[in-house]
């Protein structure tokens, strides 16, 4: 039997297909879970024409296990000249949203030596992450600062607030803990 679980890295909720199949996706979750644009999961299911579709559930004793065929999203297999790989580790993930506060002011009249620029602190922090993480993390560790939000986001205004998302992954809990220690110790002031 082939089962296709859709959207496991969902825009609404992680492992949505697995949660549904195992009976862990409730009507309350569907009604209360929204994506970053505010679209409710229940509305997306209805829009796809699946609101009244029956949910499949596993029959006890029928399945021994599951094998997930996964498309590698990086170049590792191709670079090695391999067609197939076998997963030996599942990485752990840590994710944070870090806020920076400064003092919003006019960019043309606020001298550099008195600025409290939240975006400058964010960029200094990002540089320190990229400088310090390579020495402390593992050989297969990865980290990403994939979202930055600067307020008010105008070219002529010194930013008073900024926000950065940091995510790092590794197979070792000890390495992830080291990443936590590093980013928690980075002293960045505006």
N, C-alpha and C. Protein backbone atom coordinates (compact mmCIF):
# COMPACT_ATOMS: atom_id res chain seq x y z
N UNK A 1 0.84 -1.17 0.00
CA UNK A 1 0.00 0.00 0.00
C UNK A 1 0.89 1.24 0.00
N UNK A 2 0.52 2.22 -0.75
CA UNK A 2 1.25 3.47 -0.82
C UNK A 2 0.41 4.57 -0.18
N UNK A 3 0.98 5.28 0.76
CA UNK A 3 0.30 6.40 1.41
C UNK A 3 1.13 7.64 1.17
N UNK A 4 0.51 8.67 0.64
CA UNK A 4 1.21 9.92 0.39
C UNK A 4 0.76 10.93 1.43
N UNK A 5 1.68 11.33 2.27
CA UNK A 5 1.36 12.33 3.30
C UNK A 5 1.78 13.69 2.78
N UNK A 6 0.85 14.56 2.66
CA UNK A 6 1.10 15.87 2.09
C UNK A 6 1.49 16.89 3.14
N UNK A 7 2.36 17.78 2.76
CA UNK A 7 2.65 19.00 3.52
C UNK A 7 3.15 18.72 4.94
N UNK A 8 4.12 17.80 5.08
CA UNK A 8 4.65 17.49 6.41
C UNK A 8 5.41 18.66 7.02
N UNK A 9 5.95 19.54 6.18
CA UNK A 9 6.59 20.76 6.67
C UNK A 9 5.62 21.91 6.40
N UNK A 10 4.46 21.75 6.90
CA UNK A 10 3.29 22.55 6.57
C UNK A 10 3.43 24.04 6.83
N UNK A 11 2.67 24.78 6.06
CA UNK A 11 2.56 26.21 6.32
C UNK A 11 1.65 26.47 7.52
N UNK A 12 0.92 25.45 7.96
CA UNK A 12 0.00 25.59 9.09
C UNK A 12 0.53 24.93 10.36
N UNK A 13 0.96 23.67 10.25
CA UNK A 13 1.29 22.85 11.40
C UNK A 13 2.18 21.71 10.94
N UNK A 14 3.30 21.47 11.60
CA UNK A 14 4.21 20.42 11.21
C UNK A 14 3.57 19.04 11.26
N UNK A 15 3.98 18.18 10.35
CA UNK A 15 3.53 16.78 10.26
C UNK A 15 2.02 16.67 10.14
N UNK A 16 1.43 17.51 9.31
CA UNK A 16 -0.03 17.56 9.22
C UNK A 16 -0.62 16.26 8.65
N UNK A 17 0.03 15.65 7.67
CA UNK A 17 -0.47 14.39 7.12
C UNK A 17 -0.38 13.26 8.13
N UNK A 18 0.75 13.19 8.83
CA UNK A 18 0.93 12.15 9.85
C UNK A 18 -0.04 12.35 11.01
N UNK A 19 -0.23 13.60 11.41
CA UNK A 19 -1.18 13.89 12.50
C UNK A 19 -2.60 13.46 12.09
N UNK A 20 -2.95 13.75 10.85
CA UNK A 20 -4.29 13.39 10.38
C UNK A 20 -4.46 11.88 10.35
N UNK A 21 -3.48 11.17 9.79
CA UNK A 21 -3.56 9.71 9.67
C UNK A 21 -3.60 9.02 11.03
N UNK A 22 -2.90 9.59 12.00
CA UNK A 22 -2.85 8.96 13.32
C UNK A 22 -3.96 9.45 14.25
N UNK A 23 -4.87 10.28 13.73
CA UNK A 23 -5.99 10.76 14.53
C UNK A 23 -5.64 11.87 15.49
N UNK A 24 -4.49 12.51 15.31
CA UNK A 24 -4.07 13.58 16.21
C UNK A 24 -4.40 14.97 15.68
N UNK A 25 -4.97 15.07 14.49
CA UNK A 25 -5.39 16.36 13.94
C UNK A 25 -6.88 16.53 14.23
N UNK A 26 -7.19 17.36 15.21
CA UNK A 26 -8.58 17.53 15.63
C UNK A 26 -9.25 18.66 14.88
N UNK A 27 -10.57 18.68 14.94
CA UNK A 27 -11.33 19.78 14.32
C UNK A 27 -10.97 21.11 14.97
N UNK A 28 -10.67 21.09 16.27
CA UNK A 28 -10.27 22.32 16.98
C UNK A 28 -8.93 22.83 16.46
N UNK A 29 -8.02 21.91 16.17
CA UNK A 29 -6.73 22.32 15.61
C UNK A 29 -6.93 22.94 14.24
N UNK A 30 -7.75 22.31 13.41
CA UNK A 30 -8.01 22.83 12.07
C UNK A 30 -8.63 24.22 12.12
N UNK A 31 -9.55 24.42 13.06
CA UNK A 31 -10.24 25.70 13.16
C UNK A 31 -9.35 26.79 13.75
N UNK A 32 -8.37 26.41 14.57
CA UNK A 32 -7.56 27.40 15.26
C UNK A 32 -6.17 27.61 14.70
N UNK A 33 -5.76 26.82 13.73
CA UNK A 33 -4.41 26.90 13.20
C UNK A 33 -4.40 27.75 11.93
N UNK A 34 -3.55 28.79 11.92
CA UNK A 34 -3.49 29.69 10.76
C UNK A 34 -2.06 29.80 10.27
N UNK A 35 -1.93 30.12 8.98
CA UNK A 35 -0.60 30.36 8.42
C UNK A 35 -0.18 31.80 8.70
N UNK A 36 0.97 32.20 8.19
CA UNK A 36 1.48 33.55 8.48
C UNK A 36 0.64 34.66 7.86
N UNK A 37 -0.20 34.30 6.88
CA UNK A 37 -1.10 35.29 6.28
C UNK A 37 -2.47 35.32 6.94
N UNK A 38 -2.66 34.49 7.99
CA UNK A 38 -3.92 34.46 8.71
C UNK A 38 -4.96 33.51 8.13
N UNK A 39 -4.58 32.72 7.11
CA UNK A 39 -5.51 31.76 6.52
C UNK A 39 -5.63 30.58 7.48
N UNK A 40 -6.87 30.24 7.83
CA UNK A 40 -7.11 29.10 8.73
C UNK A 40 -6.96 27.79 7.98
N UNK A 41 -6.42 26.79 8.65
CA UNK A 41 -6.28 25.47 8.07
C UNK A 41 -7.64 24.93 7.63
N UNK A 42 -8.67 25.12 8.43
CA UNK A 42 -10.02 24.64 8.08
C UNK A 42 -10.50 25.27 6.77
N UNK A 43 -10.21 26.56 6.58
CA UNK A 43 -10.61 27.23 5.34
C UNK A 43 -9.84 26.71 4.13
N UNK A 44 -8.54 26.42 4.32
CA UNK A 44 -7.73 25.88 3.23
C UNK A 44 -8.22 24.48 2.84
N UNK A 45 -8.59 23.67 3.83
CA UNK A 45 -9.12 22.33 3.56
C UNK A 45 -10.43 22.45 2.78
N UNK A 46 -11.29 23.36 3.19
CA UNK A 46 -12.56 23.57 2.48
C UNK A 46 -12.32 24.07 1.06
N UNK A 47 -11.39 25.01 0.90
CA UNK A 47 -11.09 25.56 -0.43
C UNK A 47 -10.56 24.47 -1.37
N UNK A 48 -9.84 23.49 -0.83
CA UNK A 48 -9.33 22.38 -1.63
C UNK A 48 -10.41 21.35 -1.93
N UNK A 49 -11.63 21.54 -1.38
CA UNK A 49 -12.72 20.61 -1.62
C UNK A 49 -12.64 19.35 -0.77
N UNK A 50 -11.93 19.43 0.36
CA UNK A 50 -11.73 18.25 1.19
C UNK A 50 -12.43 18.31 2.54
N UNK A 51 -13.29 19.30 2.73
CA UNK A 51 -13.94 19.47 4.05
C UNK A 51 -14.75 18.24 4.44
N UNK A 52 -15.38 17.59 3.48
CA UNK A 52 -16.21 16.43 3.79
C UNK A 52 -15.54 15.10 3.45
N UNK A 53 -14.29 15.14 3.06
CA UNK A 53 -13.58 13.90 2.71
C UNK A 53 -13.33 13.09 3.98
N UNK A 54 -13.56 11.78 3.91
CA UNK A 54 -13.33 10.95 5.11
C UNK A 54 -11.84 10.88 5.43
N UNK A 55 -11.55 10.83 6.70
CA UNK A 55 -10.16 10.70 7.14
C UNK A 55 -9.81 9.23 7.27
N UNK A 56 -8.67 8.87 6.70
CA UNK A 56 -8.19 7.50 6.85
C UNK A 56 -7.50 7.38 8.19
N UNK A 57 -7.67 6.23 8.82
CA UNK A 57 -6.97 5.95 10.07
C UNK A 57 -6.36 4.56 9.97
N UNK A 58 -5.25 4.34 10.66
CA UNK A 58 -4.59 3.03 10.55
C UNK A 58 -5.40 1.92 11.21
N UNK A 59 -5.37 0.76 10.59
CA UNK A 59 -5.99 -0.41 11.17
C UNK A 59 -4.96 -1.05 12.10
N UNK A 60 -5.31 -1.28 13.36
CA UNK A 60 -4.36 -1.89 14.30
C UNK A 60 -3.80 -3.20 13.76
N UNK A 61 -2.48 -3.36 13.82
CA UNK A 61 -1.82 -4.58 13.39
C UNK A 61 -1.58 -4.72 11.90
N UNK A 62 -2.08 -3.80 11.10
CA UNK A 62 -1.93 -3.92 9.65
C UNK A 62 -0.56 -3.47 9.16
N UNK A 63 0.03 -2.50 9.81
CA UNK A 63 1.28 -1.92 9.34
C UNK A 63 2.44 -2.28 10.26
N UNK A 64 3.54 -2.65 9.66
CA UNK A 64 4.75 -2.94 10.43
C UNK A 64 5.59 -1.68 10.62
N UNK A 65 5.51 -0.79 9.69
CA UNK A 65 6.30 0.44 9.74
C UNK A 65 6.09 1.22 8.46
N UNK A 66 6.81 2.29 8.35
CA UNK A 66 6.68 3.15 7.19
C UNK A 66 8.06 3.47 6.66
N UNK A 67 8.17 3.55 5.36
CA UNK A 67 9.40 3.94 4.70
C UNK A 67 9.12 5.23 3.96
N UNK A 68 9.87 6.25 4.27
CA UNK A 68 9.65 7.54 3.63
C UNK A 68 10.66 7.74 2.51
N UNK A 69 10.16 7.84 1.30
CA UNK A 69 10.99 8.22 0.17
C UNK A 69 11.05 9.75 0.19
N UNK A 70 12.24 10.28 0.15
CA UNK A 70 12.40 11.73 0.31
C UNK A 70 13.35 12.24 -0.75
N UNK A 71 13.00 13.33 -1.34
CA UNK A 71 13.89 13.96 -2.31
C UNK A 71 14.90 14.79 -1.53
N UNK A 72 16.19 14.51 -1.77
CA UNK A 72 17.21 15.31 -1.09
C UNK A 72 17.16 16.72 -1.63
N UNK A 73 17.13 17.67 -0.73
CA UNK A 73 16.99 19.06 -1.14
C UNK A 73 18.34 19.76 -1.25
N UNK A 74 19.41 19.04 -1.03
CA UNK A 74 20.75 19.59 -1.17
C UNK A 74 21.51 18.80 -2.22
N UNK A 75 22.77 19.16 -2.48
CA UNK A 75 23.55 18.53 -3.55
C UNK A 75 24.38 17.32 -3.12
N UNK A 76 24.24 16.85 -1.89
CA UNK A 76 25.14 15.83 -1.32
C UNK A 76 25.22 14.55 -2.17
N UNK A 77 24.08 13.96 -2.52
CA UNK A 77 24.10 12.72 -3.30
C UNK A 77 24.68 12.94 -4.69
N UNK A 78 24.23 13.99 -5.34
CA UNK A 78 24.72 14.28 -6.69
C UNK A 78 26.22 14.54 -6.69
N UNK A 79 26.69 15.31 -5.72
CA UNK A 79 28.12 15.61 -5.63
C UNK A 79 28.94 14.34 -5.42
N UNK A 80 28.38 13.36 -4.70
CA UNK A 80 29.08 12.10 -4.44
C UNK A 80 28.90 11.09 -5.58
N UNK A 81 28.06 11.41 -6.56
CA UNK A 81 27.79 10.49 -7.66
C UNK A 81 26.88 9.34 -7.26
N UNK A 82 26.14 9.49 -6.16
CA UNK A 82 25.23 8.46 -5.67
C UNK A 82 23.81 8.73 -6.14
N UNK A 83 23.06 7.65 -6.36
CA UNK A 83 21.66 7.78 -6.76
C UNK A 83 20.72 7.71 -5.56
N UNK A 84 21.13 6.96 -4.53
CA UNK A 84 20.28 6.75 -3.38
C UNK A 84 21.12 6.86 -2.12
N UNK A 85 20.52 7.39 -1.08
CA UNK A 85 21.18 7.46 0.22
C UNK A 85 20.27 6.88 1.27
N UNK A 86 20.83 6.49 2.38
CA UNK A 86 20.06 5.97 3.49
C UNK A 86 20.25 6.92 4.67
N UNK A 87 19.14 7.33 5.25
CA UNK A 87 19.19 8.23 6.39
C UNK A 87 19.73 7.47 7.59
N UNK A 88 20.75 8.05 8.23
CA UNK A 88 21.31 7.42 9.43
C UNK A 88 21.04 8.26 10.67
N UNK A 89 20.70 9.52 10.48
CA UNK A 89 20.44 10.40 11.62
C UNK A 89 19.31 11.36 11.26
N UNK A 90 18.56 11.72 12.26
CA UNK A 90 17.57 12.79 12.12
C UNK A 90 18.10 13.95 12.94
N UNK A 91 18.19 15.11 12.31
CA UNK A 91 18.77 16.25 13.01
C UNK A 91 17.76 16.88 13.96
N UNK A 92 18.31 17.45 15.02
CA UNK A 92 17.51 18.27 15.92
C UNK A 92 17.54 19.70 15.42
N UNK A 93 16.62 20.46 15.87
CA UNK A 93 16.46 21.83 15.39
C UNK A 93 16.22 22.76 16.56
N UNK A 94 16.85 23.90 16.52
CA UNK A 94 16.57 24.97 17.48
C UNK A 94 16.24 26.22 16.68
N UNK A 95 15.22 26.91 17.08
CA UNK A 95 14.83 28.11 16.38
C UNK A 95 14.48 29.21 17.35
N UNK A 96 14.90 30.41 17.04
CA UNK A 96 14.67 31.56 17.90
C UNK A 96 14.31 32.77 17.08
N UNK A 97 13.56 33.65 17.69
CA UNK A 97 13.33 34.98 17.14
C UNK A 97 13.94 35.94 18.14
N UNK A 98 14.91 36.72 17.68
CA UNK A 98 15.65 37.61 18.55
C UNK A 98 15.28 39.05 18.21
N UNK A 99 14.87 39.79 19.23
CA UNK A 99 14.47 41.18 19.04
C UNK A 99 15.57 42.14 19.48
N UNK A 100 15.67 43.24 18.77
CA UNK A 100 16.64 44.28 19.06
C UNK A 100 15.89 45.59 19.21
N UNK A 101 16.17 46.33 20.28
CA UNK A 101 15.51 47.61 20.52
C UNK A 101 16.55 48.72 20.48
N UNK A 102 16.18 49.79 19.84
CA UNK A 102 17.05 50.97 19.77
C UNK A 102 16.22 52.21 19.96
N UNK A 103 16.60 53.26 19.25
CA UNK A 103 15.83 54.51 19.33
C UNK A 103 15.59 55.00 17.91
N UNK A 104 14.35 55.01 17.52
CA UNK A 104 13.98 55.49 16.20
C UNK A 104 14.25 56.98 16.11
N UNK A 105 14.86 57.40 14.98
CA UNK A 105 15.18 58.81 14.82
C UNK A 105 15.35 59.13 13.35
N UNK A 106 15.49 60.40 13.05
CA UNK A 106 15.67 60.85 11.67
C UNK A 106 17.10 60.55 11.22
N UNK A 107 17.23 59.91 10.05
CA UNK A 107 18.55 59.49 9.58
C UNK A 107 19.42 60.66 9.13
N UNK A 108 18.81 61.75 8.71
CA UNK A 108 19.60 62.87 8.20
C UNK A 108 20.16 63.78 9.27
N UNK A 109 19.58 63.75 10.46
CA UNK A 109 20.02 64.69 11.50
C UNK A 109 20.59 64.02 12.74
N UNK A 110 20.49 62.71 12.82
CA UNK A 110 21.01 62.00 13.99
C UNK A 110 22.43 61.55 13.69
N UNK A 111 23.39 62.12 14.38
CA UNK A 111 24.80 61.83 14.14
C UNK A 111 25.09 60.37 14.48
N UNK A 112 26.06 59.81 13.81
CA UNK A 112 26.39 58.39 13.97
C UNK A 112 26.80 58.05 15.39
N UNK A 113 27.51 58.94 16.06
CA UNK A 113 28.03 58.62 17.39
C UNK A 113 26.97 58.60 18.48
N UNK A 114 25.76 59.09 18.19
CA UNK A 114 24.70 59.05 19.20
C UNK A 114 23.52 58.14 18.80
N UNK A 115 23.65 57.50 17.67
CA UNK A 115 22.56 56.63 17.22
C UNK A 115 22.45 55.38 18.09
N UNK A 116 21.21 54.93 18.22
CA UNK A 116 20.90 53.65 18.84
C UNK A 116 20.09 52.87 17.80
N UNK A 117 20.81 52.37 16.80
CA UNK A 117 20.23 51.76 15.61
C UNK A 117 20.00 50.27 15.84
N UNK A 118 18.75 49.87 15.93
CA UNK A 118 18.41 48.47 16.18
C UNK A 118 18.87 47.57 15.03
N UNK A 119 18.82 48.07 13.81
CA UNK A 119 19.26 47.26 12.67
C UNK A 119 20.76 47.04 12.71
N UNK A 120 21.52 48.04 13.13
CA UNK A 120 22.98 47.88 13.24
C UNK A 120 23.30 46.79 14.26
N UNK A 121 22.56 46.73 15.36
CA UNK A 121 22.77 45.68 16.36
C UNK A 121 22.43 44.32 15.77
N UNK A 122 21.35 44.23 15.02
CA UNK A 122 20.95 42.98 14.38
C UNK A 122 22.05 42.50 13.43
N UNK A 123 22.58 43.40 12.61
CA UNK A 123 23.62 43.00 11.65
C UNK A 123 24.90 42.58 12.37
N UNK A 124 25.25 43.26 13.46
CA UNK A 124 26.42 42.88 14.25
C UNK A 124 26.22 41.49 14.85
N UNK A 125 25.01 41.23 15.34
CA UNK A 125 24.69 39.92 15.91
C UNK A 125 24.82 38.84 14.83
N UNK A 126 24.26 39.09 13.65
CA UNK A 126 24.32 38.11 12.55
C UNK A 126 25.77 37.83 12.17
N UNK A 127 26.60 38.86 12.14
CA UNK A 127 28.01 38.68 11.83
C UNK A 127 28.69 37.82 12.90
N UNK A 128 28.36 38.05 14.16
CA UNK A 128 28.96 37.25 15.24
C UNK A 128 28.51 35.80 15.18
N UNK A 129 27.27 35.56 14.81
CA UNK A 129 26.81 34.17 14.64
C UNK A 129 27.67 33.50 13.57
N UNK A 130 27.81 34.15 12.42
CA UNK A 130 28.57 33.55 11.32
C UNK A 130 30.06 33.43 11.63
N UNK A 131 30.55 34.24 12.54
CA UNK A 131 31.96 34.16 12.95
C UNK A 131 32.18 33.10 14.01
N UNK A 132 31.28 32.99 14.97
CA UNK A 132 31.49 32.10 16.12
C UNK A 132 30.95 30.69 15.92
N UNK A 133 29.87 30.51 15.17
CA UNK A 133 29.28 29.18 15.01
C UNK A 133 30.22 28.17 14.33
N UNK A 134 30.99 28.52 13.30
CA UNK A 134 31.81 27.50 12.65
C UNK A 134 32.77 26.77 13.59
N UNK A 135 33.33 27.45 14.55
CA UNK A 135 34.29 26.83 15.46
C UNK A 135 33.61 25.95 16.50
N UNK A 136 32.37 26.24 16.83
CA UNK A 136 31.71 25.55 17.94
C UNK A 136 30.74 24.47 17.49
N UNK A 137 30.25 24.56 16.29
CA UNK A 137 29.26 23.60 15.83
C UNK A 137 29.96 22.40 15.19
N UNK A 138 29.19 21.38 14.82
CA UNK A 138 29.73 20.16 14.23
C UNK A 138 30.00 20.32 12.75
N UNK A 139 30.64 19.30 12.15
CA UNK A 139 30.98 19.38 10.72
C UNK A 139 29.76 19.38 9.80
N UNK A 140 28.62 18.90 10.28
CA UNK A 140 27.41 18.88 9.46
C UNK A 140 26.35 19.83 9.99
N UNK A 141 26.72 20.67 10.94
CA UNK A 141 25.77 21.66 11.47
C UNK A 141 25.44 22.68 10.39
N UNK A 142 24.22 23.16 10.45
CA UNK A 142 23.81 24.24 9.56
C UNK A 142 23.04 25.27 10.38
N UNK A 143 23.11 26.52 9.96
CA UNK A 143 22.33 27.57 10.62
C UNK A 143 21.89 28.56 9.56
N UNK A 144 20.77 29.17 9.85
CA UNK A 144 20.15 30.09 8.89
C UNK A 144 19.52 31.24 9.64
N UNK A 145 19.74 32.42 9.12
CA UNK A 145 19.03 33.61 9.59
C UNK A 145 18.15 34.03 8.41
N UNK A 146 16.98 33.41 8.34
CA UNK A 146 16.17 33.50 7.14
C UNK A 146 15.12 34.58 7.11
N UNK A 147 14.96 35.29 8.21
CA UNK A 147 13.96 36.37 8.21
C UNK A 147 14.48 37.51 9.06
N UNK A 148 14.39 38.69 8.48
CA UNK A 148 14.76 39.92 9.18
C UNK A 148 13.62 40.89 9.00
N UNK A 149 13.24 41.55 10.08
CA UNK A 149 12.18 42.54 10.03
C UNK A 149 12.68 43.79 10.75
N UNK A 150 12.75 44.89 10.03
CA UNK A 150 13.26 46.15 10.58
C UNK A 150 12.13 47.16 10.60
N UNK A 151 11.97 47.85 11.76
CA UNK A 151 10.89 48.82 11.91
C UNK A 151 11.46 50.21 12.12
N UNK A 152 10.97 51.21 11.46
CA UNK A 152 9.79 51.18 10.59
C UNK A 152 10.08 50.76 9.16
N UNK A 153 11.30 50.49 8.80
CA UNK A 153 11.59 50.00 7.44
C UNK A 153 11.58 51.10 6.40
N UNK A 154 12.04 52.28 6.77
CA UNK A 154 12.10 53.41 5.84
C UNK A 154 13.55 53.86 5.69
N UNK A 155 13.96 54.23 4.48
CA UNK A 155 15.35 54.60 4.25
C UNK A 155 15.83 55.82 5.04
N UNK A 156 14.94 56.71 5.41
CA UNK A 156 15.33 57.95 6.09
C UNK A 156 15.08 57.92 7.59
N UNK A 157 14.88 56.74 8.15
CA UNK A 157 14.61 56.64 9.58
C UNK A 157 15.54 55.61 10.21
N UNK A 158 16.22 56.01 11.28
CA UNK A 158 17.05 55.08 12.05
C UNK A 158 16.09 54.08 12.70
N UNK A 159 16.29 52.78 12.45
CA UNK A 159 15.36 51.79 12.99
C UNK A 159 15.36 51.74 14.52
N UNK A 160 14.17 51.72 15.09
CA UNK A 160 14.01 51.62 16.53
C UNK A 160 13.83 50.19 17.00
N UNK A 161 13.40 49.31 16.10
CA UNK A 161 13.22 47.90 16.43
C UNK A 161 13.65 47.05 15.25
N UNK A 162 14.16 45.87 15.56
CA UNK A 162 14.52 44.91 14.51
C UNK A 162 14.35 43.51 15.08
N UNK A 163 14.10 42.57 14.19
CA UNK A 163 13.86 41.19 14.63
C UNK A 163 14.52 40.25 13.62
N UNK A 164 15.13 39.20 14.14
CA UNK A 164 15.87 38.24 13.32
C UNK A 164 15.46 36.83 13.72
N UNK A 165 15.23 35.97 12.73
CA UNK A 165 14.99 34.56 13.03
C UNK A 165 16.31 33.81 12.86
N UNK A 166 16.62 32.97 13.84
CA UNK A 166 17.82 32.14 13.80
C UNK A 166 17.38 30.69 13.97
N UNK A 167 17.86 29.84 13.08
CA UNK A 167 17.55 28.42 13.18
C UNK A 167 18.85 27.65 12.97
N UNK A 168 19.12 26.68 13.83
CA UNK A 168 20.29 25.83 13.61
C UNK A 168 19.93 24.38 13.86
N UNK A 169 20.66 23.50 13.14
CA UNK A 169 20.35 22.07 13.15
C UNK A 169 21.63 21.24 13.26
N UNK A 170 21.53 20.14 13.96
CA UNK A 170 22.61 19.17 14.05
C UNK A 170 22.02 17.88 14.60
N UNK A 171 22.71 16.76 14.37
CA UNK A 171 22.25 15.47 14.88
C UNK A 171 22.57 15.29 16.36
N UNK A 172 23.48 16.09 16.88
CA UNK A 172 23.94 15.93 18.26
C UNK A 172 23.28 16.94 19.19
N UNK A 173 22.68 16.43 20.25
CA UNK A 173 22.08 17.31 21.26
C UNK A 173 23.15 18.18 21.91
N UNK A 174 24.35 17.64 22.11
CA UNK A 174 25.44 18.40 22.72
C UNK A 174 25.85 19.58 21.83
N UNK A 175 25.88 19.36 20.53
CA UNK A 175 26.22 20.44 19.60
C UNK A 175 25.13 21.51 19.61
N UNK A 176 23.88 21.08 19.64
CA UNK A 176 22.78 22.05 19.71
C UNK A 176 22.86 22.87 21.00
N UNK A 177 23.20 22.22 22.09
CA UNK A 177 23.35 22.93 23.37
C UNK A 177 24.49 23.94 23.27
N UNK A 178 25.57 23.57 22.59
CA UNK A 178 26.68 24.51 22.39
C UNK A 178 26.22 25.72 21.58
N UNK A 179 25.41 25.49 20.56
CA UNK A 179 24.85 26.60 19.78
C UNK A 179 24.01 27.52 20.65
N UNK A 180 23.21 26.93 21.55
CA UNK A 180 22.43 27.74 22.49
C UNK A 180 23.33 28.61 23.34
N UNK A 181 24.41 28.01 23.86
CA UNK A 181 25.32 28.77 24.71
C UNK A 181 25.96 29.93 23.95
N UNK A 182 26.35 29.68 22.72
CA UNK A 182 27.01 30.74 21.94
C UNK A 182 26.08 31.91 21.71
N UNK A 183 24.89 31.63 21.17
CA UNK A 183 24.05 32.77 20.81
C UNK A 183 23.55 33.50 22.05
N UNK A 184 23.40 32.80 23.15
CA UNK A 184 22.99 33.47 24.39
C UNK A 184 24.07 34.37 24.97
N UNK A 185 25.33 34.13 24.60
CA UNK A 185 26.45 34.91 25.15
C UNK A 185 26.88 36.06 24.25
N UNK A 186 26.28 36.20 23.10
CA UNK A 186 26.69 37.28 22.20
C UNK A 186 26.15 38.61 22.74
N UNK A 187 27.04 39.48 23.07
CA UNK A 187 26.67 40.77 23.64
C UNK A 187 26.65 41.81 22.52
N UNK A 188 25.46 42.24 22.16
CA UNK A 188 25.32 43.24 21.11
C UNK A 188 24.50 44.39 21.69
N UNK A 189 25.07 45.56 21.68
CA UNK A 189 24.36 46.73 22.21
C UNK A 189 24.24 47.80 21.13
N UNK A 190 23.17 48.54 21.21
CA UNK A 190 22.98 49.65 20.27
C UNK A 190 23.43 50.94 20.91
